[in-house]
Amino acid sequence: MLGSLSDTLVANPVLLLFVVVAVGFAAGKIRIGGFSLGIAAVLFAGIGMGALDDRFVLPDAFWVLGLALFVYTIGLTSGPSFLATLRRRGLAVNGLVVAAIVAASLVAVAGHELLGLSAARAAGSFTGGETNTPALAAAIETLKGKSGFDTLAAEPIVGYSLSYPLGVVLPLLAAWFMLRRGRRRTGVDAPALVVQTVLVEHSAGTLEELRDRHGGSVTFGRLQHEQHLAAASATLEPAAGDLLSVVGPREEVDAVIAELGHRAPEEIVLDRHDLDFRRIVVSSRNVAGRRIGDLDLDARFGASATRLRRGDVDLVADPETQLELGDRIRIVAPPARMKEIASFFGDSYRALGEIDALTFSIGLAAGLALGAISVPIAGGHFSLGSAGGPLVVGLFLGALGRTGPFVWQPPYTASLTLRQLGMVLFLAGIGLRSGPAFSSAITEPSALLAIATGAAATSAALAVLLIGGTRLLRLPAQTLVGVLAGMQTQPAVLAYASHELEDDRELTLGYASVYPLAMITKIVIAQVLIGLLL
């Protein structure tokens, strides 16, 4: 019975793939003390099944495609935030993250030189301790063409698998400690964004000038002047006696009210006779990739945008914000214009389930082509590979947004689906390939050395980041935990911290500011370790 089932799985690699994925997802839901492996359990399911029968192997095209899909969609999503945060404060923070990752790589070198780990396994322990599967893939790709590739390719995967669990647990403990120490949790009733009406007593220039003075962190919905209600366009200048609705974080809204006058007893946002408000889904490719300010909503429709919901996060609708497919934008406009405005933005959930196959294929092909370029380095050759190439191109195209009629960003939900599909393809493929080697390695005394090397690499990176973040950069606890989650390029820390915090804006900003560079740095270092040590 078991023999015939094994033969069926061997003869049907697609069936084998989805059996591994199903087993992995089931195992990933098991929680012990609030912790679960999540999607990473697919890797361990593949290792387990590969250990049962060394014939359980998927073609390499499966995991190469999966890896490319995963990192390309991450690049597209992270591109705009990456550049924006770099311009504000990201250079110092990213420099600290790079230093932390380099410290982890030096521990891996020590594991090779002092403990006798093979070069490939030391590199695997580094990628596992840093919980970065694309870096693992880069290490494996560097081994292609080497004599005995099948045996060599299993070594980094074994090191990764042995080191990964502590690579997750140690950063989680560090995040718990930082959040407890920082005491930055907000009140349970405090919303991320508030809307308040100010009775204007002092002239403060145009609304655009007022917004700029507050760093673009607020926006304005409606302005009532002499009983006439209008959408608050950037060129309007509030006068004494006007009522103005202000949208933004509570502290900034309070600061605007103090500058203009005092809080009004009535809220003009409740009056929907002359002006209405509505959340509209951005599904039109003519709008996606454009900045809100470039849409000229006031001149077109007599409307203003006040908020933007992207995924599960509410943002102020800043004129510089670049719209993405799947965004939900809150519009204030005359009721008679709402249908026209909805048509302008698209407002179709059905359209969000589709991707532009042409632009997605062009971008992914460009990434794979870039990754295939080989550059001589350290006596060998370096390439970005199937991980780094698509990531770099994805970051560039994600920041670009659109080129003429081409919109590079896929819809938000479609991007998440492609990302998850890519990751399970990759994890299942490399897990099955490494199963036989892992089953024999785990019983060897050297397994403890690989685990110790990975744990030491994780600890070194955490020490550099936490000391530098608190003593040198003096980052707030939430921001530092977000940077920690981004440095680990693994969602467990981010998910844990988001659950613990009522307001996670600083957390997600810290995460987005370092994630792309941390990913690229790990990919490059994994290849350099193989080139230098092998």
Protein backbone atom coordinates (compact mmCIF):
# COMPACT_ATOMS: atom_id res chain seq x y z
CA MET A 1 0.00 0.00 0.00
CA LEU A 2 2.70 2.49 1.06
CA GLY A 3 4.86 1.36 -1.84
CA SER A 4 2.15 2.06 -4.38
CA LEU A 5 1.40 5.47 -2.81
CA SER A 6 5.08 6.38 -2.99
CA ASP A 7 5.24 5.28 -6.61
CA THR A 8 2.19 7.43 -7.40
CA LEU A 9 3.79 10.50 -5.81
CA VAL A 10 7.08 9.88 -7.60
CA ALA A 11 5.28 9.63 -10.94
CA ASN A 12 3.18 12.78 -10.30
CA PRO A 13 5.38 15.71 -9.15
CA VAL A 14 2.43 18.14 -9.14
CA LEU A 15 0.51 15.83 -6.81
CA LEU A 16 3.63 15.50 -4.66
CA LEU A 17 3.95 19.29 -4.51
CA PHE A 18 0.44 19.84 -3.18
CA VAL A 19 0.67 16.98 -0.69
CA VAL A 20 3.78 18.64 0.77
CA VAL A 21 2.05 22.04 0.80
CA ALA A 22 -1.07 20.64 2.51
CA VAL A 23 0.96 18.84 5.17
CA GLY A 24 3.11 21.95 5.70
CA PHE A 25 0.19 24.32 6.10
CA ALA A 26 -1.51 21.96 8.55
CA ALA A 27 1.67 21.74 10.62
CA GLY A 28 2.19 25.50 10.39
CA LYS A 29 -1.10 26.16 12.17
CA ILE A 30 0.00 24.30 15.29
CA ARG A 31 0.76 26.85 18.02
CA ILE A 32 3.00 26.21 21.01
CA GLY A 33 3.05 29.00 23.56
CA GLY A 34 1.68 31.45 20.99
CA PHE A 35 4.35 30.57 18.41
CA SER A 36 3.86 28.74 15.13
CA LEU A 37 6.06 28.10 12.09
CA GLY A 38 3.45 29.37 9.66
CA ILE A 39 4.36 29.02 6.01
CA ALA A 40 7.93 27.98 6.92
CA ALA A 41 6.47 24.62 7.97
CA VAL A 42 6.21 23.75 4.25
CA LEU A 43 10.01 23.55 4.20
CA PHE A 44 10.06 21.10 7.10
CA ALA A 45 7.22 19.07 5.58
CA GLY A 46 9.30 18.76 2.41
CA ILE A 47 12.36 17.74 4.40
CA GLY A 48 10.33 15.11 6.26
CA MET A 49 8.83 13.61 3.12
CA GLY A 50 12.18 13.73 1.33
CA ALA A 51 13.71 11.82 4.24
CA LEU A 52 11.06 9.10 3.85
CA ASP A 53 11.89 8.45 0.19
CA ASP A 54 14.82 9.94 -1.69
CA ARG A 55 12.82 9.63 -4.94
CA PHE A 56 10.53 12.46 -3.78
CA VAL A 57 12.08 15.28 -5.80
CA LEU A 58 10.53 18.19 -7.73
CA PRO A 59 12.10 19.62 -10.91
CA ASP A 60 14.32 22.64 -10.25
CA ALA A 61 12.01 24.82 -12.34
CA PHE A 62 9.43 24.61 -9.54
CA TRP A 63 11.51 26.29 -6.86
CA VAL A 64 13.26 28.70 -9.24
CA LEU A 65 9.87 29.98 -10.45
CA GLY A 66 8.57 30.14 -6.89
CA LEU A 67 11.56 32.11 -5.66
CA ALA A 68 11.36 34.58 -8.55
CA LEU A 69 7.63 35.18 -7.96
CA PHE A 70 8.16 35.72 -4.26
CA VAL A 71 10.99 38.24 -4.38
CA TYR A 72 9.63 40.11 -7.43
CA THR A 73 6.26 40.79 -5.78
CA ILE A 74 8.05 41.85 -2.58
CA GLY A 75 10.10 44.31 -4.62
CA LEU A 76 7.02 45.76 -6.32
CA THR A 77 5.28 46.25 -2.97
CA SER A 78 8.29 47.64 -1.10
CA GLY A 79 9.65 49.95 -3.81
CA PRO A 80 7.74 53.16 -3.01
CA SER A 81 8.14 52.85 0.78
CA PHE A 82 11.81 51.93 0.46
CA LEU A 83 12.75 55.08 -1.45
CA ALA A 84 10.54 57.33 0.68
CA THR A 85 12.00 56.13 3.96
CA LEU A 86 15.55 56.30 2.61
CA ARG A 87 15.02 59.97 1.85
CA ARG A 88 13.77 60.70 5.36
CA ARG A 89 15.91 58.77 7.80
CA GLY A 90 16.70 55.41 6.31
CA LEU A 91 20.40 55.76 5.49
CA ALA A 92 21.62 55.55 9.09
CA VAL A 93 19.15 52.78 9.97
CA ASN A 94 20.01 50.77 6.87
CA GLY A 95 23.71 51.19 7.62
CA LEU A 96 23.12 49.75 11.08
CA VAL A 97 21.20 46.79 9.62
CA VAL A 98 23.97 46.06 7.12
CA ALA A 99 26.52 46.15 9.97
CA ALA A 100 24.38 43.69 11.97
CA ILE A 101 24.12 41.28 9.03
CA VAL A 102 27.86 41.50 8.40
CA ALA A 103 28.43 40.63 12.07
CA ALA A 104 26.27 37.53 11.58
CA SER A 105 28.28 36.54 8.50
CA LEU A 106 31.55 36.83 10.45
CA VAL A 107 30.15 34.34 12.95
CA ALA A 108 29.46 31.97 10.04
CA VAL A 109 33.07 32.37 8.91
CA ALA A 110 34.19 31.55 12.45
CA GLY A 111 31.99 28.45 12.38
CA HIS A 112 33.81 27.31 9.26
CA GLU A 113 37.32 28.18 10.45
CA LEU A 114 37.08 27.23 14.13
CA LEU A 115 34.39 24.54 14.30
CA GLY A 116 35.14 22.81 11.03
CA LEU A 117 31.76 23.32 9.35
CA SER A 118 31.84 22.93 5.60
CA ALA A 119 31.63 26.18 3.63
CA ALA A 120 28.18 25.30 2.27
CA ARG A 121 26.81 24.35 5.69
CA ALA A 122 28.26 27.48 7.32
CA ALA A 123 26.56 29.58 4.64
CA GLY A 124 23.35 27.65 5.29
CA SER A 125 23.63 28.30 9.03
CA PHE A 126 23.99 32.00 8.25
CA THR A 127 20.84 32.04 6.08
CA GLY A 128 18.92 30.00 8.66
CA GLY A 129 20.03 32.17 11.56
CA GLU A 130 18.95 35.20 9.52
CA THR A 131 15.75 33.36 8.42
CA ASN A 132 16.17 34.27 4.76
CA THR A 133 15.16 31.69 2.19
CA PRO A 134 16.12 33.79 -0.88
CA ALA A 135 19.66 33.99 0.52
CA LEU A 136 19.58 30.21 0.88
CA ALA A 137 18.51 29.94 -2.75
CA ALA A 138 21.36 32.26 -3.76
CA ALA A 139 23.82 30.03 -1.93
CA ILE A 140 22.47 26.96 -3.71
CA GLU A 141 22.65 28.69 -7.10
CA THR A 142 26.29 29.62 -6.46
CA LEU A 143 27.05 25.93 -6.11
CA LYS A 144 25.68 25.13 -9.58
CA GLY A 145 28.36 23.87 -11.89
CA LYS A 146 30.48 22.62 -9.01
CA SER A 147 31.53 19.00 -8.99
CA GLY A 148 29.08 16.88 -6.96
CA PHE A 149 26.35 19.55 -7.02
CA ASP A 150 23.60 17.23 -5.76
CA THR A 151 25.56 16.48 -2.60
CA LEU A 152 26.81 20.05 -2.17
CA ALA A 153 23.35 21.58 -2.67
CA ALA A 154 22.00 19.72 0.35
CA GLU A 155 24.63 21.17 2.70
CA PRO A 156 23.33 24.78 2.92
CA ILE A 157 19.76 23.50 3.20
CA VAL A 158 20.73 21.29 6.14
CA GLY A 159 22.49 24.21 7.84
CA TYR A 160 19.47 26.43 7.18
CA SER A 161 16.99 23.88 8.55
CA LEU A 162 19.01 23.31 11.72
CA SER A 163 19.45 27.04 12.39
CA TYR A 164 16.04 28.35 11.37
CA PRO A 165 13.98 27.62 14.53
CA LEU A 166 16.27 29.62 16.84
CA GLY A 167 16.52 32.26 14.12
CA VAL A 168 12.80 32.81 14.67
CA VAL A 169 12.62 32.39 18.44
CA LEU A 170 15.53 34.66 19.44
CA PRO A 171 14.25 37.74 17.55
CA LEU A 172 10.77 37.14 18.96
CA LEU A 173 12.20 37.22 22.47
CA ALA A 174 14.10 40.41 21.61
CA ALA A 175 10.91 42.04 20.26
CA TRP A 176 9.00 41.06 23.40
CA PHE A 177 11.71 42.58 25.56
CA MET A 178 11.87 45.84 23.58
CA LEU A 179 8.11 46.36 23.55
CA ARG A 180 7.85 45.66 27.26
CA ARG A 181 10.72 47.99 28.02
CA GLY A 182 9.54 50.74 25.72
CA ARG A 183 6.01 50.89 27.14
CA ARG A 184 4.81 52.46 23.90
CA ARG A 185 1.49 50.72 23.63
CA THR A 186 -1.32 53.15 22.85
CA GLY A 187 -4.76 53.22 24.47
CA VAL A 188 -7.24 50.66 23.21
CA ASP A 189 -9.76 53.31 22.13
CA ALA A 190 -7.32 55.50 20.20
CA PRO A 191 -7.85 55.25 16.42
CA ALA A 192 -4.90 55.52 14.07
CA LEU A 193 -6.50 58.56 12.38
CA VAL A 194 -9.05 61.02 13.76
CA VAL A 195 -11.31 63.65 12.20
CA GLN A 196 -12.02 66.87 14.10
CA THR A 197 -13.51 70.23 13.17
CA VAL A 198 -11.71 73.47 14.02
CA LEU A 199 -13.31 76.91 14.34
CA VAL A 200 -10.78 79.14 12.59
CA GLU A 201 -9.72 82.25 14.51
CA HIS A 202 -6.31 82.99 12.95
CA SER A 203 -5.21 83.13 9.34
CA ALA A 204 -2.49 80.56 8.60
CA GLY A 205 -2.07 80.66 4.83
CA THR A 206 -3.40 78.13 2.33
CA LEU A 207 -4.25 74.57 3.29
CA GLU A 208 -1.28 73.37 1.28
CA GLU A 209 1.06 75.61 3.30
CA LEU A 210 -0.57 74.48 6.53
CA ARG A 211 -0.16 70.82 5.61
CA ASP A 212 3.50 71.33 4.67
CA ARG A 213 4.21 72.97 8.05
CA HIS A 214 3.00 69.79 9.72
CA GLY A 215 5.13 67.51 7.59
CA GLY A 216 2.31 66.28 5.38
CA SER A 217 0.90 64.25 8.27
CA VAL A 218 -2.56 65.86 8.08
CA THR A 219 -5.08 66.58 5.39
CA PHE A 220 -8.39 68.42 5.20
CA GLY A 221 -11.86 67.25 4.20
CA ARG A 222 -14.35 70.16 4.19
CA LEU A 223 -14.31 73.91 4.60
CA GLN A 224 -17.45 75.84 5.59
CA HIS A 225 -17.27 79.55 4.73
CA GLU A 226 -20.31 81.78 5.37
CA GLN A 227 -22.67 78.76 5.40
CA HIS A 228 -21.23 77.49 2.10
CA LEU A 229 -19.67 74.02 2.32
CA ALA A 230 -16.94 72.95 -0.13
CA ALA A 231 -14.30 70.26 -0.46
CA ALA A 232 -11.07 71.50 1.09
CA SER A 233 -8.75 72.02 -1.88
CA ALA A 234 -5.08 72.86 -1.37
CA THR A 235 -5.43 76.46 -2.58
CA LEU A 236 -8.15 77.50 -0.15
CA GLU A 237 -7.17 79.88 2.66
CA PRO A 238 -9.32 79.56 5.80
CA ALA A 239 -10.58 82.83 7.27
CA ALA A 240 -11.76 83.72 10.75
CA GLY A 241 -15.16 82.15 11.43
CA ASP A 242 -14.69 79.26 8.99
CA LEU A 243 -15.15 75.62 10.01
CA LEU A 244 -12.53 73.19 8.77
CA SER A 245 -12.38 69.40 9.16
CA VAL A 246 -8.87 68.10 9.87
CA VAL A 247 -7.79 64.46 9.33
CA GLY A 248 -4.65 62.87 10.74
CA PRO A 249 -2.99 61.38 13.83
CA ARG A 250 -4.49 62.81 17.03
CA GLU A 251 -1.35 64.68 18.09
CA GLU A 252 -0.97 66.42 14.73
CA VAL A 253 -4.67 67.26 14.51
CA ASP A 254 -4.51 68.83 17.97
CA ALA A 255 -1.49 70.88 16.87
CA VAL A 256 -3.35 72.18 13.80
CA ILE A 257 -6.37 73.12 15.90
CA ALA A 258 -4.15 75.01 18.36
CA GLU A 259 -2.55 76.89 15.46
CA LEU A 260 -5.84 77.88 13.80
CA GLY A 261 -8.20 78.44 16.73
CA HIS A 262 -10.10 75.94 18.84
CA ARG A 263 -12.19 72.82 18.38
CA ALA A 264 -15.69 73.55 17.11
CA PRO A 265 -18.72 72.33 19.10
CA GLU A 266 -20.28 70.83 15.97
CA GLU A 267 -18.76 68.45 13.44
CA ILE A 268 -19.31 69.51 9.82
CA VAL A 269 -18.37 66.03 8.62
CA LEU A 270 -21.83 64.88 9.75
CA ASP A 271 -23.55 67.11 7.18
CA ARG A 272 -23.98 65.06 3.98
CA HIS A 273 -26.47 67.32 2.18
CA ASP A 274 -24.03 69.45 0.16
CA LEU A 275 -21.01 67.13 0.42
CA ASP A 276 -20.90 63.37 0.77
CA PHE A 277 -18.03 61.01 1.53
CA ARG A 278 -17.34 57.50 0.31
CA ARG A 279 -14.54 54.93 0.15
CA ILE A 280 -13.78 54.03 -3.47
CA VAL A 281 -11.65 51.13 -4.67
CA VAL A 282 -8.79 52.02 -7.00
CA SER A 283 -9.10 49.50 -9.84
CA SER A 284 -8.54 51.70 -12.91
CA ARG A 285 -5.12 51.30 -14.51
CA ASN A 286 -5.39 54.88 -15.73
CA VAL A 287 -5.24 56.03 -12.10
CA ALA A 288 -2.93 53.44 -10.51
CA GLY A 289 0.69 54.52 -10.33
CA ARG A 290 -0.19 58.22 -10.24
CA ARG A 291 0.20 60.57 -7.29
CA ILE A 292 -2.99 61.80 -5.63
CA GLY A 293 -1.95 65.40 -6.20
CA ASP A 294 -1.55 64.80 -9.95
CA LEU A 295 -5.20 63.71 -10.29
CA ASP A 296 -6.41 67.31 -9.71
CA LEU A 297 -9.59 66.11 -8.01
CA ASP A 298 -10.69 69.61 -7.04
CA ALA A 299 -10.65 70.94 -10.61
CA ARG A 300 -12.17 67.76 -12.07
CA PHE A 301 -14.92 67.06 -9.56
CA GLY A 302 -14.84 69.65 -6.80
CA ALA A 303 -13.61 66.83 -4.57
CA SER A 304 -10.82 66.12 -2.09
CA ALA A 305 -9.17 62.93 -0.86
CA THR A 306 -8.79 62.57 2.91
CA ARG A 307 -7.72 59.00 3.69
CA LEU A 308 -6.23 55.98 2.00
CA ARG A 309 -6.58 52.40 3.20
CA ARG A 310 -3.88 50.06 1.90
CA GLY A 311 -4.26 46.50 3.07
CA ASP A 312 -5.25 46.87 6.72
CA VAL A 313 -3.53 50.22 7.32
CA ASP A 314 -5.15 53.69 7.21
CA LEU A 315 -2.99 56.48 5.79
CA VAL A 316 -3.45 60.21 5.33
CA ALA A 317 -4.11 60.91 1.64
CA ASP A 318 -0.98 62.96 1.04
CA PRO A 319 -0.76 64.54 -2.45
CA GLU A 320 2.63 62.82 -2.92
CA THR A 321 1.20 59.35 -2.21
CA GLN A 322 1.32 57.07 -5.24
CA LEU A 323 -1.87 55.09 -5.70
CA GLU A 324 -1.78 51.32 -6.10
CA LEU A 325 -4.38 48.92 -7.44
CA GLY A 326 -6.50 47.77 -4.52
CA ASP A 327 -6.18 50.97 -2.50
CA ARG A 328 -9.41 52.28 -0.98
CA ILE A 329 -9.47 56.04 -1.11
CA ARG A 330 -11.92 58.16 0.88
CA ILE A 331 -13.35 60.98 -1.22
CA VAL A 332 -15.31 64.07 -0.10
CA ALA A 333 -17.39 65.48 -2.99
CA PRO A 334 -20.83 66.75 -4.00
CA PRO A 335 -23.28 63.81 -3.94
CA ALA A 336 -24.16 64.31 -7.62
CA ARG A 337 -20.52 63.73 -8.65
CA MET A 338 -19.93 60.51 -6.68
CA LYS A 339 -20.94 58.14 -9.48
CA GLU A 340 -18.63 59.92 -11.90
CA ILE A 341 -15.77 59.85 -9.40
CA ALA A 342 -16.29 56.14 -8.72
CA SER A 343 -16.08 55.47 -12.46
CA PHE A 344 -12.87 57.53 -12.64
CA PHE A 345 -11.16 55.39 -9.96
CA GLY A 346 -12.69 52.14 -11.25
CA ASP A 347 -14.36 50.94 -8.04
CA SER A 348 -14.42 47.31 -9.20
CA TYR A 349 -13.44 44.45 -6.90
CA ARG A 350 -13.66 42.04 -9.81
CA ALA A 351 -10.91 43.89 -11.70
CA LEU A 352 -8.63 43.50 -8.68
CA GLY A 353 -8.61 39.73 -9.11
CA GLU A 354 -6.82 40.08 -12.44
CA ILE A 355 -3.18 40.92 -13.15
CA ASP A 356 -1.74 42.47 -16.27
CA ALA A 357 0.12 39.43 -17.59
CA LEU A 358 2.09 41.56 -20.07
CA THR A 359 3.64 43.99 -17.57
CA PHE A 360 4.13 41.29 -14.93
CA SER A 361 5.93 39.03 -17.42
CA ILE A 362 8.10 41.86 -18.74
CA GLY A 363 9.20 42.82 -15.23
CA LEU A 364 9.85 39.27 -14.09
CA ALA A 365 11.76 38.44 -17.28
CA ALA A 366 13.90 41.56 -16.82
CA GLY A 367 14.63 40.49 -13.23
CA LEU A 368 15.65 36.98 -14.23
CA ALA A 369 17.82 38.37 -17.03
CA LEU A 370 19.56 40.74 -14.60
CA GLY A 371 20.05 37.88 -12.16
CA ALA A 372 21.75 35.80 -14.86
CA ILE A 373 24.52 38.37 -15.39
CA SER A 374 27.72 37.05 -13.86
CA VAL A 375 30.47 39.33 -12.52
CA PRO A 376 33.96 38.04 -11.58
CA ILE A 377 34.66 38.50 -7.85
CA ALA A 378 36.96 36.97 -5.23
CA GLY A 379 38.38 34.40 -7.60
CA GLY A 380 34.91 33.28 -8.62
CA HIS A 381 31.78 34.78 -10.11
CA PHE A 382 28.95 36.72 -8.51
CA SER A 383 25.41 37.11 -9.80
CA LEU A 384 22.17 38.33 -8.26
CA GLY A 385 20.55 35.07 -9.36
CA SER A 386 16.87 34.20 -9.36
CA ALA A 387 16.48 35.91 -5.98
CA GLY A 388 18.40 39.17 -6.29
CA GLY A 389 17.67 40.04 -9.92
CA PRO A 390 13.86 40.02 -9.67
CA LEU A 391 14.06 41.82 -6.30
CA VAL A 392 16.15 44.69 -7.67
CA VAL A 393 13.95 45.08 -10.76
CA GLY A 394 10.83 44.81 -8.59
CA LEU A 395 12.07 47.61 -6.32
CA PHE A 396 12.80 49.83 -9.31
CA LEU A 397 9.50 49.19 -11.07
CA GLY A 398 7.55 49.40 -7.80
CA ALA A 399 9.02 52.85 -7.12
CA LEU A 400 8.39 53.87 -10.73
CA GLY A 401 4.73 52.86 -10.48
CA ARG A 402 3.93 53.21 -14.16
CA THR A 403 5.58 53.90 -17.50
CA GLY A 404 3.13 55.45 -19.93
CA PRO A 405 0.27 52.96 -20.24
CA PHE A 406 2.14 50.22 -18.33
CA VAL A 407 1.20 49.86 -14.65
CA TRP A 408 3.85 47.74 -12.92
CA GLN A 409 2.05 47.24 -9.61
CA PRO A 410 -0.36 44.27 -9.54
CA PRO A 411 -3.48 44.59 -7.37
CA TYR A 412 -2.68 44.29 -3.66
CA THR A 413 -4.59 41.06 -3.09
CA ALA A 414 -3.25 39.47 -6.28
CA SER A 415 0.28 40.40 -5.20
CA LEU A 416 -0.19 38.67 -1.82
CA THR A 417 -1.52 35.56 -3.54
CA LEU A 418 1.41 35.40 -5.98
CA ARG A 419 3.86 35.97 -3.14
CA GLN A 420 2.47 33.09 -1.11
CA LEU A 421 2.30 30.80 -4.14
CA GLY A 422 5.92 31.56 -4.97
CA MET A 423 7.10 30.89 -1.43
CA VAL A 424 5.36 27.51 -1.12
CA LEU A 425 6.79 26.41 -4.49
CA PHE A 426 10.27 27.31 -3.32
CA LEU A 427 10.00 25.82 0.17
CA ALA A 428 8.46 22.56 -1.03
CA GLY A 429 11.05 22.15 -3.78
CA ILE A 430 14.17 22.70 -1.70
CA GLY A 431 12.72 20.84 1.28
CA LEU A 432 12.20 17.67 -0.73
CA ARG A 433 15.67 17.95 -2.26
CA SER A 434 17.36 18.20 1.14
CA GLY A 435 15.36 15.53 2.98
CA PRO A 436 17.78 12.62 2.60
CA ALA A 437 20.81 14.71 3.57
CA PHE A 438 19.00 16.23 6.57
CA SER A 439 17.94 12.85 7.95
CA SER A 440 21.52 11.66 8.04
CA ALA A 441 23.01 14.97 9.23
CA ILE A 442 20.70 15.46 12.22
CA THR A 443 22.15 12.36 13.91
CA GLU A 444 25.73 13.56 13.49
CA PRO A 445 27.57 15.44 16.25
CA SER A 446 28.25 18.24 13.76
CA ALA A 447 24.52 19.07 13.78
CA LEU A 448 25.00 20.77 17.14
CA LEU A 449 27.80 22.85 15.65
CA ALA A 450 25.53 24.08 12.85
CA ILE A 451 22.79 24.94 15.35
CA ALA A 452 25.29 26.76 17.59
CA THR A 453 26.70 28.69 14.62
CA GLY A 454 23.25 29.78 13.48
CA ALA A 455 22.21 30.83 16.99
CA ALA A 456 25.45 32.77 17.46
CA ALA A 457 24.95 34.50 14.10
CA THR A 458 21.41 35.52 15.09
CA SER A 459 22.59 36.74 18.50
CA ALA A 460 25.43 38.78 16.96
CA ALA A 461 23.07 40.54 14.56
CA LEU A 462 20.58 41.26 17.35
CA ALA A 463 23.28 42.64 19.64
CA VAL A 464 24.61 45.05 16.99
CA LEU A 465 21.11 46.20 16.03
CA LEU A 466 19.76 46.68 19.56
CA ILE A 467 22.86 48.41 20.93
CA GLY A 468 23.22 50.64 17.89
CA GLY A 469 19.50 51.38 17.69
CA THR A 470 19.14 52.34 21.34
CA ARG A 471 22.52 53.93 22.12
CA LEU A 472 23.53 55.55 18.80
CA LEU A 473 20.34 56.24 16.85
CA ARG A 474 18.02 56.38 19.88
CA LEU A 475 15.15 54.84 17.96
CA PRO A 476 11.75 54.51 19.67
CA ALA A 477 10.90 50.98 20.76
CA GLN A 478 8.21 50.46 18.10
CA THR A 479 10.45 51.69 15.30
CA LEU A 480 13.34 49.54 16.50
CA VAL A 481 11.16 46.42 16.63
CA GLY A 482 9.99 47.19 13.07
CA VAL A 483 13.62 47.51 11.97
CA LEU A 484 14.34 44.20 13.73
CA ALA A 485 11.48 42.53 11.84
CA GLY A 486 12.74 43.97 8.55
CA MET A 487 16.31 42.87 9.26
CA GLN A 488 15.15 39.30 9.83
CA THR A 489 13.13 39.40 6.55
CA GLN A 490 10.72 36.98 8.18
CA PRO A 491 7.11 37.78 9.12
CA ALA A 492 6.94 36.24 12.60
CA VAL A 493 8.32 39.29 14.45
CA LEU A 494 6.18 41.73 12.48
CA ALA A 495 3.03 39.66 13.04
CA TYR A 496 3.73 39.33 16.75
CA ALA A 497 4.45 43.03 17.28
CA SER A 498 1.45 44.14 15.20
CA HIS A 499 -0.76 41.97 17.38
CA GLU A 500 0.68 43.52 20.54
CA LEU A 501 0.26 47.14 19.42
CA GLU A 502 -2.90 49.12 18.89
CA ASP A 503 -1.12 51.63 16.63
CA ASP A 504 1.58 49.99 14.51
CA ARG A 505 2.43 52.84 12.13
CA GLU A 506 5.95 53.32 13.51
CA LEU A 507 6.43 49.56 13.47
CA THR A 508 5.53 49.17 9.79
CA LEU A 509 7.58 52.22 8.80
CA GLY A 510 10.66 50.74 10.45
CA TYR A 511 10.00 47.43 8.71
CA ALA A 512 9.55 48.94 5.23
CA SER A 513 12.64 51.15 5.59
CA VAL A 514 15.11 48.26 5.91
CA TYR A 515 13.49 45.13 4.49
CA PRO A 516 14.62 45.48 0.84
CA LEU A 517 18.25 46.31 1.60
CA ALA A 518 18.40 43.59 4.27
CA MET A 519 17.13 41.10 1.70
CA ILE A 520 19.68 42.14 -0.91
CA THR A 521 22.54 42.19 1.62
CA LYS A 522 21.81 38.65 2.77
CA ILE A 523 21.59 37.37 -0.80
CA VAL A 524 24.94 38.94 -1.68
CA ILE A 525 26.67 37.78 1.53
CA ALA A 526 25.42 34.19 1.12
CA GLN A 527 27.04 34.04 -2.31
CA VAL A 528 30.23 35.71 -1.11
CA LEU A 529 30.51 33.21 1.77
CA ILE A 530 30.32 30.31 -0.68
CA GLY A 531 32.86 31.96 -2.98
CA LEU A 532 35.34 32.77 -0.23
CA LEU A 533 35.08 29.64 1.89
CA LEU A 534 34.58 26.85 -0.65
